[in-house]
Amino acid sequence: MIRQNFNADWTVEKGDGNSRMNSFLGNTQTKTVHLPYDAMIHEARTPDTKNGAQTGFYPGGEYIFQKHFTAPQAWQGKPVSLVFEGVYQTALVYLNGWLLTRNVNGYAEFTVEAGPYLKYGTDNLLKVIADNSLEPNSRWYTGSGIYRPVRLLVGNKVYLPQDTVHITTREVGEGFALLDVTAQVQSASAVTERVTLQQTICREGTAVLTDRQNLLLQPGKFLPQQQTALLQRLIGPQSKTHLGAAGHGAEGILISKITGIEPNRHGQEPLSSTEYFRR
């Protein structure tokens, strides 16, 4: 899955409930910003704000963020999503006029599916309304707007969804470790796909365990996969350099990768997800 920084070249303006009329009359005052951007810190401090000392006497408000971008034709038919790490407080996310989501937790990361609403090969408009006008709403300074980065995710027709690869240590003993490795494989394809899921545990750049599974995915379906890896067989006179991967306090990397059994059938590229872990 391709992860792309989506923070450059946004515009922001203060909303006052008449943003559409102001835009029609040409009265808007917008400026170009790069995320993350806290709009509250740019407000004039006032003793009259209901936030009081909790926000350092900075008032809240409504802010409208917009970004123009082009969606390549190559994205068509692939899963495309946007990850917002933090928008304070209530966020309304629009793409080309379509409301994608309403998020009411200003501290929580959230993801929106963009693919069905994109216009490929031409200009698209992403708009986020960050409403922090309900005052007071916190015991400390919160900021306003898109105060954390935004990422664009583009997958292939068969992919590993974000945050679905996990590694858990079930048991650790002298010279061995029992690990559970789970992954979710998702298909956005319109036809049945045959792929291989490969999961590799690495230690200091060296693969210490690799497992492969051949999967048959029906259109639009997902398969949860779980594997149990016993690292005891890696411990021996010839494998002393890998002992740390099975012991307490060891650091390692889990790499999950999907490849097509018929790789040229759809021109798919390998998809991978990397998880860092410490045991």
C-alpha atoms as a PDB file:
ATOM      1  CA  MET A   1       0.000   0.000   0.000  1.00  0.00           C
ATOM      2  CA  ILE A   2       1.302   3.433  -0.958  1.00  0.00           C
ATOM      3  CA  ARG A   3       1.395   5.956   1.897  1.00  0.00           C
ATOM      4  CA  GLN A   4       1.659   9.544   0.742  1.00  0.00           C
ATOM      5  CA  ASN A   5       2.096  12.711   2.774  1.00  0.00           C
ATOM      6  CA  PHE A   6      -0.984  14.874   2.130  1.00  0.00           C
ATOM      7  CA  ASN A   7      -0.035  17.975   4.126  1.00  0.00           C
ATOM      8  CA  ALA A   8       1.059  20.530   1.526  1.00  0.00           C
ATOM      9  CA  ASP A   9      -0.883  23.346  -0.111  1.00  0.00           C
ATOM     10  CA  TRP A  10      -4.089  23.583   1.879  1.00  0.00           C
ATOM     11  CA  THR A  11      -6.042  26.804   2.273  1.00  0.00           C
ATOM     12  CA  VAL A  12      -7.774  27.857   5.476  1.00  0.00           C
ATOM     13  CA  GLU A  13     -10.339  30.529   6.242  1.00  0.00           C
ATOM     14  CA  LYS A  14     -12.354  31.494   9.291  1.00  0.00           C
ATOM     15  CA  GLY A  15     -15.963  30.325   9.084  1.00  0.00           C
ATOM     16  CA  ASP A  16     -18.759  32.484  10.408  1.00  0.00           C
ATOM     17  CA  GLY A  17     -21.847  30.641   9.237  1.00  0.00           C
ATOM     18  CA  ASN A  18     -21.930  32.626   5.973  1.00  0.00           C
ATOM     19  CA  SER A  19     -18.959  31.039   4.216  1.00  0.00           C
ATOM     20  CA  ARG A  20     -20.900  30.209   1.038  1.00  0.00           C
ATOM     21  CA  MET A  21     -22.236  33.745   0.690  1.00  0.00           C
ATOM     22  CA  ASN A  22     -18.808  35.227   1.444  1.00  0.00           C
ATOM     23  CA  SER A  23     -17.251  33.002  -1.192  1.00  0.00           C
ATOM     24  CA  PHE A  24     -19.895  34.070  -3.745  1.00  0.00           C
ATOM     25  CA  LEU A  25     -19.268  37.743  -2.966  1.00  0.00           C
ATOM     26  CA  GLY A  26     -15.498  37.343  -3.022  1.00  0.00           C
ATOM     27  CA  ASN A  27     -15.174  38.373   0.617  1.00  0.00           C
ATOM     28  CA  THR A  28     -13.217  35.390   1.835  1.00  0.00           C
ATOM     29  CA  GLN A  29      -9.832  35.778   3.465  1.00  0.00           C
ATOM     30  CA  THR A  30      -7.945  32.582   2.832  1.00  0.00           C
ATOM     31  CA  LYS A  31      -4.285  31.754   3.265  1.00  0.00           C
ATOM     32  CA  THR A  32      -2.183  28.831   2.132  1.00  0.00           C
ATOM     33  CA  VAL A  33      -0.909  26.584   4.899  1.00  0.00           C
ATOM     34  CA  HIS A  34       0.901  23.291   5.314  1.00  0.00           C
ATOM     35  CA  LEU A  35      -0.415  20.814   7.836  1.00  0.00           C
ATOM     36  CA  PRO A  36      -0.427  20.367  10.711  1.00  0.00           C
ATOM     37  CA  TYR A  37      -1.997  23.759  11.353  1.00  0.00           C
ATOM     38  CA  ASP A  38      -3.414  25.113  14.603  1.00  0.00           C
ATOM     39  CA  ALA A  39      -5.794  27.977  13.843  1.00  0.00           C
ATOM     40  CA  MET A  40      -6.515  28.839  17.485  1.00  0.00           C
ATOM     41  CA  ILE A  41      -3.017  30.129  18.188  1.00  0.00           C
ATOM     42  CA  HIS A  42      -3.514  32.773  15.469  1.00  0.00           C
ATOM     43  CA  GLU A  43      -6.634  34.205  17.133  1.00  0.00           C
ATOM     44  CA  ALA A  44      -6.486  37.344  19.244  1.00  0.00           C
ATOM     45  CA  ARG A  45      -6.529  36.566  22.944  1.00  0.00           C
ATOM     46  CA  THR A  46      -9.499  37.984  24.800  1.00  0.00           C
ATOM     47  CA  PRO A  47     -10.702  37.882  28.422  1.00  0.00           C
ATOM     48  CA  ASP A  48     -14.249  37.507  27.091  1.00  0.00           C
ATOM     49  CA  THR A  49     -13.783  34.001  25.695  1.00  0.00           C
ATOM     50  CA  LYS A  50     -15.803  31.325  27.472  1.00  0.00           C
ATOM     51  CA  ASN A  51     -12.698  29.137  27.360  1.00  0.00           C
ATOM     52  CA  GLY A  52     -11.063  31.397  29.918  1.00  0.00           C
ATOM     53  CA  ALA A  53      -7.654  30.468  31.255  1.00  0.00           C
ATOM     54  CA  GLN A  54      -8.053  26.833  30.111  1.00  0.00           C
ATOM     55  CA  THR A  55      -6.956  27.839  26.603  1.00  0.00           C
ATOM     56  CA  GLY A  56      -4.844  30.820  27.606  1.00  0.00           C
ATOM     57  CA  PHE A  57      -7.796  33.099  26.702  1.00  0.00           C
ATOM     58  CA  TYR A  58      -7.682  32.039  23.041  1.00  0.00           C
ATOM     59  CA  PRO A  59     -11.206  31.678  21.590  1.00  0.00           C
ATOM     60  CA  GLY A  60     -12.445  28.775  19.513  1.00  0.00           C
ATOM     61  CA  GLY A  61     -14.197  29.008  16.184  1.00  0.00           C
ATOM     62  CA  GLU A  62     -15.027  27.324  12.891  1.00  0.00           C
ATOM     63  CA  TYR A  63     -12.335  26.911  10.250  1.00  0.00           C
ATOM     64  CA  ILE A  64     -12.637  25.726   6.665  1.00  0.00           C
ATOM     65  CA  PHE A  65      -9.699  23.843   5.165  1.00  0.00           C
ATOM     66  CA  GLN A  66      -9.577  23.043   1.437  1.00  0.00           C
ATOM     67  CA  LYS A  67      -7.140  21.257  -0.840  1.00  0.00           C
ATOM     68  CA  HIS A  68      -7.201  20.775  -4.617  1.00  0.00           C
ATOM     69  CA  PHE A  69      -5.493  17.693  -6.031  1.00  0.00           C
ATOM     70  CA  THR A  70      -5.507  15.468  -9.095  1.00  0.00           C
ATOM     71  CA  ALA A  71      -6.353  11.769  -8.826  1.00  0.00           C
ATOM     72  CA  PRO A  72      -4.382   9.802 -11.462  1.00  0.00           C
ATOM     73  CA  GLN A  73      -6.241   7.374 -13.693  1.00  0.00           C
ATOM     74  CA  ALA A  74      -4.002   4.651 -12.248  1.00  0.00           C
ATOM     75  CA  TRP A  75      -5.909   4.915  -8.947  1.00  0.00           C
ATOM     76  CA  GLN A  76      -9.210   3.932 -10.524  1.00  0.00           C
ATOM     77  CA  GLY A  77     -10.493   0.618  -9.184  1.00  0.00           C
ATOM     78  CA  LYS A  78      -8.056   0.680  -6.260  1.00  0.00           C
ATOM     79  CA  PRO A  79      -8.889   1.402  -2.611  1.00  0.00           C
ATOM     80  CA  VAL A  80      -8.086   5.041  -1.818  1.00  0.00           C
ATOM     81  CA  SER A  81      -8.466   6.422   1.694  1.00  0.00           C
ATOM     82  CA  LEU A  82      -7.460   9.434   3.762  1.00  0.00           C
ATOM     83  CA  VAL A  83      -6.179   9.157   7.321  1.00  0.00           C
ATOM     84  CA  PHE A  84      -6.653  12.173   9.612  1.00  0.00           C
ATOM     85  CA  GLU A  85      -4.510  11.871  12.724  1.00  0.00           C
ATOM     86  CA  GLY A  86      -6.339  14.673  14.520  1.00  0.00           C
ATOM     87  CA  VAL A  87      -8.925  17.390  13.781  1.00  0.00           C
ATOM     88  CA  TYR A  88     -10.253  19.523  16.632  1.00  0.00           C
ATOM     89  CA  GLN A  89     -13.061  19.508  17.511  1.00  0.00           C
ATOM     90  CA  THR A  90     -15.911  18.309  15.275  1.00  0.00           C
ATOM     91  CA  ALA A  91     -14.814  17.526  11.709  1.00  0.00           C
ATOM     92  CA  LEU A  92     -16.954  17.414   8.588  1.00  0.00           C
ATOM     93  CA  VAL A  93     -15.063  15.950   5.622  1.00  0.00           C
ATOM     94  CA  TYR A  94     -16.301  16.594   2.083  1.00  0.00           C
ATOM     95  CA  LEU A  95     -14.899  15.359  -1.220  1.00  0.00           C
ATOM     96  CA  ASN A  96     -16.227  16.960  -4.399  1.00  0.00           C
ATOM     97  CA  GLY A  97     -19.331  18.050  -2.485  1.00  0.00           C
ATOM     98  CA  TRP A  98     -20.021  14.628  -0.942  1.00  0.00           C
ATOM     99  CA  LEU A  99     -20.057  14.384   2.848  1.00  0.00           C
ATOM    100  CA  LEU A 100     -17.727  11.491   3.686  1.00  0.00           C
ATOM    101  CA  THR A 101     -17.867  11.545   7.480  1.00  0.00           C
ATOM    102  CA  ARG A 102     -18.574  13.505  10.639  1.00  0.00           C
ATOM    103  CA  ASN A 103     -16.047  12.929  13.390  1.00  0.00           C
ATOM    104  CA  VAL A 104     -16.846  14.270  16.857  1.00  0.00           C
ATOM    105  CA  ASN A 105     -13.739  13.172  18.781  1.00  0.00           C
ATOM    106  CA  GLY A 106     -11.071  15.812  18.344  1.00  0.00           C
ATOM    107  CA  TYR A 107      -8.349  13.554  19.754  1.00  0.00           C
ATOM    108  CA  ALA A 108      -9.041  10.401  17.738  1.00  0.00           C
ATOM    109  CA  GLU A 109      -7.498   9.366  14.418  1.00  0.00           C
ATOM    110  CA  PHE A 110     -10.062   8.502  11.745  1.00  0.00           C
ATOM    111  CA  THR A 111     -10.055   7.198   8.178  1.00  0.00           C
ATOM    112  CA  VAL A 112     -12.388   7.997   5.272  1.00  0.00           C
ATOM    113  CA  GLU A 113     -12.835   6.026   2.052  1.00  0.00           C
ATOM    114  CA  ALA A 114     -12.332   8.368  -0.886  1.00  0.00           C
ATOM    115  CA  GLY A 115     -12.303   6.068  -3.929  1.00  0.00           C
ATOM    116  CA  PRO A 116     -16.015   6.155  -4.871  1.00  0.00           C
ATOM    117  CA  TYR A 117     -16.090   9.966  -4.777  1.00  0.00           C
ATOM    118  CA  LEU A 118     -12.940  10.756  -6.753  1.00  0.00           C
ATOM    119  CA  LYS A 119     -12.874  12.242 -10.259  1.00  0.00           C
ATOM    120  CA  TYR A 120      -9.981  10.549 -12.011  1.00  0.00           C
ATOM    121  CA  GLY A 121      -7.640  12.436 -14.283  1.00  0.00           C
ATOM    122  CA  THR A 122      -8.968  15.820 -13.226  1.00  0.00           C
ATOM    123  CA  ASP A 123      -9.204  18.219 -10.299  1.00  0.00           C
ATOM    124  CA  ASN A 124     -10.719  17.165  -6.973  1.00  0.00           C
ATOM    125  CA  LEU A 125     -11.648  19.330  -3.992  1.00  0.00           C
ATOM    126  CA  LEU A 126     -11.232  18.064  -0.440  1.00  0.00           C
ATOM    127  CA  LYS A 127     -12.852  20.231   2.236  1.00  0.00           C
ATOM    128  CA  VAL A 128     -12.671  19.838   5.994  1.00  0.00           C
ATOM    129  CA  ILE A 129     -14.747  21.994   8.329  1.00  0.00           C
ATOM    130  CA  ALA A 130     -13.224  21.979  11.805  1.00  0.00           C
ATOM    131  CA  ASP A 131     -15.760  23.342  14.295  1.00  0.00           C
ATOM    132  CA  ASN A 132     -14.399  24.302  17.710  1.00  0.00           C
ATOM    133  CA  SER A 133     -16.998  26.968  18.425  1.00  0.00           C
ATOM    134  CA  LEU A 134     -18.698  25.132  21.289  1.00  0.00           C
ATOM    135  CA  GLU A 135     -17.061  26.710  24.314  1.00  0.00           C
ATOM    136  CA  PRO A 136     -15.840  25.665  26.794  1.00  0.00           C
ATOM    137  CA  ASN A 137     -15.070  22.054  25.871  1.00  0.00           C
ATOM    138  CA  SER A 138     -11.763  21.231  27.542  1.00  0.00           C
ATOM    139  CA  ARG A 139      -9.695  21.774  30.666  1.00  0.00           C
ATOM    140  CA  TRP A 140      -6.586  22.717  28.687  1.00  0.00           C
ATOM    141  CA  TYR A 141      -5.415  24.277  25.439  1.00  0.00           C
ATOM    142  CA  THR A 142      -6.732  22.205  22.525  1.00  0.00           C
ATOM    143  CA  GLY A 143      -5.958  24.134  19.386  1.00  0.00           C
ATOM    144  CA  SER A 144      -8.388  24.282  16.473  1.00  0.00           C
ATOM    145  CA  GLY A 145      -8.305  22.800  12.992  1.00  0.00           C
ATOM    146  CA  ILE A 146      -6.260  20.006  11.420  1.00  0.00           C
ATOM    147  CA  TYR A 147      -3.561  19.931  14.073  1.00  0.00           C
ATOM    148  CA  ARG A 148      -2.046  16.564  13.071  1.00  0.00           C
ATOM    149  CA  PRO A 149      -0.816  15.242   9.685  1.00  0.00           C
ATOM    150  CA  VAL A 150      -3.010  13.769   6.947  1.00  0.00           C
ATOM    151  CA  ARG A 151      -1.979  10.708   4.904  1.00  0.00           C
ATOM    152  CA  LEU A 152      -3.257   9.409   1.585  1.00  0.00           C
ATOM    153  CA  LEU A 153      -3.343   5.606   1.234  1.00  0.00           C
ATOM    154  CA  VAL A 154      -3.603   3.886  -2.148  1.00  0.00           C
ATOM    155  CA  GLY A 155      -3.768   0.102  -2.255  1.00  0.00           C
ATOM    156  CA  ASN A 156      -3.867  -2.485  -5.009  1.00  0.00           C
ATOM    157  CA  LYS A 157      -6.885  -4.630  -5.742  1.00  0.00           C
ATOM    158  CA  VAL A 158      -5.651  -7.033  -3.069  1.00  0.00           C
ATOM    159  CA  TYR A 159      -4.051  -5.364  -0.078  1.00  0.00           C
ATOM    160  CA  LEU A 160      -3.346  -5.348   3.657  1.00  0.00           C
ATOM    161  CA  PRO A 161      -5.647  -2.778   5.302  1.00  0.00           C
ATOM    162  CA  GLN A 162      -4.008  -0.336   7.664  1.00  0.00           C
ATOM    163  CA  ASP A 163      -3.408  -1.553  11.233  1.00  0.00           C
ATOM    164  CA  THR A 164      -4.476  -5.156  10.563  1.00  0.00           C
ATOM    165  CA  VAL A 165      -1.061  -6.816  10.917  1.00  0.00           C
ATOM    166  CA  HIS A 166      -0.268  -7.804  14.505  1.00  0.00           C
ATOM    167  CA  ILE A 167       2.293  -9.883  16.381  1.00  0.00           C
ATOM    168  CA  THR A 168       1.702 -11.231  19.888  1.00  0.00           C
ATOM    169  CA  THR A 169       4.033 -13.217  22.131  1.00  0.00           C
ATOM    170  CA  ARG A 170       2.048 -16.099  23.623  1.00  0.00           C
ATOM    171  CA  GLU A 171       4.906 -17.630  25.593  1.00  0.00           C
ATOM    172  CA  VAL A 172       8.601 -16.932  26.196  1.00  0.00           C
ATOM    173  CA  GLY A 173      10.996 -19.366  27.821  1.00  0.00           C
ATOM    174  CA  GLU A 174      14.675 -20.181  27.954  1.00  0.00           C
ATOM    175  CA  GLY A 175      15.759 -20.436  24.342  1.00  0.00           C
ATOM    176  CA  PHE A 176      12.321 -20.279  22.693  1.00  0.00           C
ATOM    177  CA  ALA A 177       9.363 -17.990  21.965  1.00  0.00           C
ATOM    178  CA  LEU A 178       5.856 -18.752  20.721  1.00  0.00           C
ATOM    179  CA  LEU A 179       4.396 -15.944  18.591  1.00  0.00           C
ATOM    180  CA  ASP A 180       0.964 -15.371  17.062  1.00  0.00           C
ATOM    181  CA  VAL A 181       1.069 -13.424  13.808  1.00  0.00           C
ATOM    182  CA  THR A 182      -2.228 -12.193  12.338  1.00  0.00           C
ATOM    183  CA  ALA A 183      -3.027 -10.309   9.154  1.00  0.00           C
ATOM    184  CA  GLN A 184      -6.164  -9.362   7.264  1.00  0.00           C
ATOM    185  CA  VAL A 185      -6.078  -9.663   3.486  1.00  0.00           C
ATOM    186  CA  GLN A 186      -8.682  -7.559   1.693  1.00  0.00           C
ATOM    187  CA  SER A 187      -9.829  -7.815  -1.918  1.00  0.00           C
ATOM    188  CA  ALA A 188     -11.301  -4.868  -3.794  1.00  0.00           C
ATOM    189  CA  SER A 189     -11.167  -6.780  -7.059  1.00  0.00           C
ATOM    190  CA  ALA A 190     -14.185  -7.628  -9.184  1.00  0.00           C
ATOM    191  CA  VAL A 191     -12.818 -11.115  -9.891  1.00  0.00           C
ATOM    192  CA  THR A 192     -11.437 -13.982  -7.801  1.00  0.00           C
ATOM    193  CA  GLU A 193      -7.772 -13.424  -7.007  1.00  0.00           C
ATOM    194  CA  ARG A 194      -5.023 -15.929  -6.158  1.00  0.00           C
ATOM    195  CA  VAL A 195      -2.257 -14.411  -4.046  1.00  0.00           C
ATOM    196  CA  THR A 196       0.506 -15.412  -1.675  1.00  0.00           C
ATOM    197  CA  LEU A 197       0.774 -13.965   1.833  1.00  0.00           C
ATOM    198  CA  GLN A 198       4.362 -14.019   3.063  1.00  0.00           C
ATOM    199  CA  GLN A 199       5.224 -13.105   6.659  1.00  0.00           C
ATOM    200  CA  THR A 200       8.850 -12.739   7.702  1.00  0.00           C
ATOM    201  CA  ILE A 201      10.325 -12.066  11.145  1.00  0.00           C
ATOM    202  CA  CYS A 202      13.660 -10.253  10.963  1.00  0.00           C
ATOM    203  CA  ARG A 203      16.344  -9.541  13.533  1.00  0.00           C
ATOM    204  CA  GLU A 204      19.057  -6.983  12.796  1.00  0.00           C
ATOM    205  CA  GLY A 205      18.335  -7.152   9.078  1.00  0.00           C
ATOM    206  CA  THR A 206      18.367 -10.964   8.913  1.00  0.00           C
ATOM    207  CA  ALA A 207      15.270 -13.081   8.287  1.00  0.00           C
ATOM    208  CA  VAL A 208      14.912 -15.600  11.109  1.00  0.00           C
ATOM    209  CA  LEU A 209      11.535 -17.066  10.152  1.00  0.00           C
ATOM    210  CA  THR A 210       9.437 -16.952   6.971  1.00  0.00           C
ATOM    211  CA  ASP A 211       5.999 -18.418   6.323  1.00  0.00           C
ATOM    212  CA  ARG A 212       3.958 -18.392   3.107  1.00  0.00           C
ATOM    213  CA  GLN A 213       0.284 -19.090   2.505  1.00  0.00           C
ATOM    214  CA  ASN A 214      -1.502 -19.296  -0.845  1.00  0.00           C
ATOM    215  CA  LEU A 215      -4.916 -17.640  -0.673  1.00  0.00           C
ATOM    216  CA  LEU A 216      -7.993 -17.582  -2.889  1.00  0.00           C
ATOM    217  CA  LEU A 217     -10.028 -14.394  -2.372  1.00  0.00           C
ATOM    218  CA  GLN A 218     -13.547 -13.904  -3.653  1.00  0.00           C
ATOM    219  CA  PRO A 219     -14.489 -10.463  -5.047  1.00  0.00           C
ATOM    220  CA  GLY A 220     -14.867  -7.836  -2.350  1.00  0.00           C
ATOM    221  CA  LYS A 221     -14.104 -10.242   0.511  1.00  0.00           C
ATOM    222  CA  PHE A 222     -11.417 -10.384   3.185  1.00  0.00           C
ATOM    223  CA  LEU A 223      -9.636 -13.270   4.880  1.00  0.00           C
ATOM    224  CA  PRO A 224      -8.254 -13.097   8.421  1.00  0.00           C
ATOM    225  CA  GLN A 225      -5.049 -15.139   8.629  1.00  0.00           C
ATOM    226  CA  GLN A 226      -3.372 -16.354  11.805  1.00  0.00           C
ATOM    227  CA  GLN A 227      -0.047 -18.115  12.062  1.00  0.00           C
ATOM    228  CA  THR A 228       1.771 -19.447  15.114  1.00  0.00           C
ATOM    229  CA  ALA A 229       5.553 -19.288  14.907  1.00  0.00           C
ATOM    230  CA  LEU A 230       7.781 -21.294  17.230  1.00  0.00           C
ATOM    231  CA  LEU A 231      11.262 -19.809  17.220  1.00  0.00           C
ATOM    232  CA  GLN A 232      12.801 -22.638  19.227  1.00  0.00           C
ATOM    233  CA  ARG A 233      14.085 -24.335  16.119  1.00  0.00           C
ATOM    234  CA  LEU A 234      16.219 -21.293  15.376  1.00  0.00           C
ATOM    235  CA  ILE A 235      18.156 -21.699  18.599  1.00  0.00           C
ATOM    236  CA  GLY A 236      21.218 -23.823  18.228  1.00  0.00           C
ATOM    237  CA  PRO A 237      24.964 -23.827  17.663  1.00  0.00           C
ATOM    238  CA  GLN A 238      24.508 -22.405  14.154  1.00  0.00           C
ATOM    239  CA  SER A 239      21.922 -19.802  15.142  1.00  0.00           C
ATOM    240  CA  LYS A 240      23.273 -18.078  18.219  1.00  0.00           C
ATOM    241  CA  THR A 241      23.137 -14.672  16.507  1.00  0.00           C
ATOM    242  CA  HIS A 242      19.335 -15.023  16.338  1.00  0.00           C
ATOM    243  CA  LEU A 243      18.818 -15.825  20.012  1.00  0.00           C
ATOM    244  CA  GLY A 244      17.811 -12.244  20.719  1.00  0.00           C
ATOM    245  CA  ALA A 245      14.780 -12.559  18.462  1.00  0.00           C
ATOM    246  CA  ALA A 246      13.327 -15.105  20.845  1.00  0.00           C
ATOM    247  CA  GLY A 247      14.362 -13.625  24.167  1.00  0.00           C
ATOM    248  CA  HIS A 248      13.133 -10.918  26.521  1.00  0.00           C
ATOM    249  CA  GLY A 249      13.948  -7.341  25.507  1.00  0.00           C
ATOM    250  CA  ALA A 250      14.658  -8.267  21.882  1.00  0.00           C
ATOM    251  CA  GLU A 251      13.714  -5.954  19.049  1.00  0.00           C
ATOM    252  CA  GLY A 252      12.600  -7.210  15.688  1.00  0.00           C
ATOM    253  CA  ILE A 253      10.608  -6.495  12.559  1.00  0.00           C
ATOM    254  CA  LEU A 254       7.590  -8.341  11.183  1.00  0.00           C
ATOM    255  CA  ILE A 255       7.191  -7.872   7.430  1.00  0.00           C
ATOM    256  CA  SER A 256       3.924  -9.010   5.818  1.00  0.00           C
ATOM    257  CA  LYS A 257       3.800  -9.014   2.040  1.00  0.00           C
ATOM    258  CA  ILE A 258       1.244  -9.981  -0.592  1.00  0.00           C
ATOM    259  CA  THR A 259       2.313 -11.033  -4.066  1.00  0.00           C
ATOM    260  CA  GLY A 260       0.254 -12.378  -6.932  1.00  0.00           C
ATOM    261  CA  ILE A 261       0.754 -16.029  -7.824  1.00  0.00           C
ATOM    262  CA  GLU A 262       0.279 -14.797 -11.382  1.00  0.00           C
ATOM    263  CA  PRO A 263       2.048 -11.446 -10.879  1.00  0.00           C
ATOM    264  CA  ASN A 264       1.618 -10.174 -14.432  1.00  0.00           C
ATOM    265  CA  ARG A 265      -2.070 -10.924 -14.645  1.00  0.00           C
ATOM    266  CA  HIS A 266      -3.138  -7.527 -13.371  1.00  0.00           C
ATOM    267  CA  GLY A 267       0.241  -5.839 -13.285  1.00  0.00           C
ATOM    268  CA  GLN A 268       0.144  -5.804  -9.505  1.00  0.00           C
ATOM    269  CA  GLU A 269       3.094  -4.693  -7.454  1.00  0.00           C
ATOM    270  CA  PRO A 270       4.032  -6.348  -4.134  1.00  0.00           C
ATOM    271  CA  LEU A 271       2.141  -4.994  -1.143  1.00  0.00           C
ATOM    272  CA  SER A 272       3.721  -4.963   2.273  1.00  0.00           C
ATOM    273  CA  SER A 273       3.144  -3.902   5.845  1.00  0.00           C
ATOM    274  CA  THR A 274       5.910  -3.562   8.412  1.00  0.00           C
ATOM    275  CA  GLU A 275       5.439  -3.895  12.159  1.00  0.00           C
ATOM    276  CA  TYR A 276       8.209  -3.140  14.664  1.00  0.00           C
ATOM    277  CA  PHE A 277       8.056  -4.988  17.943  1.00  0.00           C
ATOM    278  CA  ARG A 278       9.985  -5.365  21.181  1.00  0.00           C
ATOM    279  CA  ARG A 279       9.830  -8.461  23.372  1.00  0.00           C
END
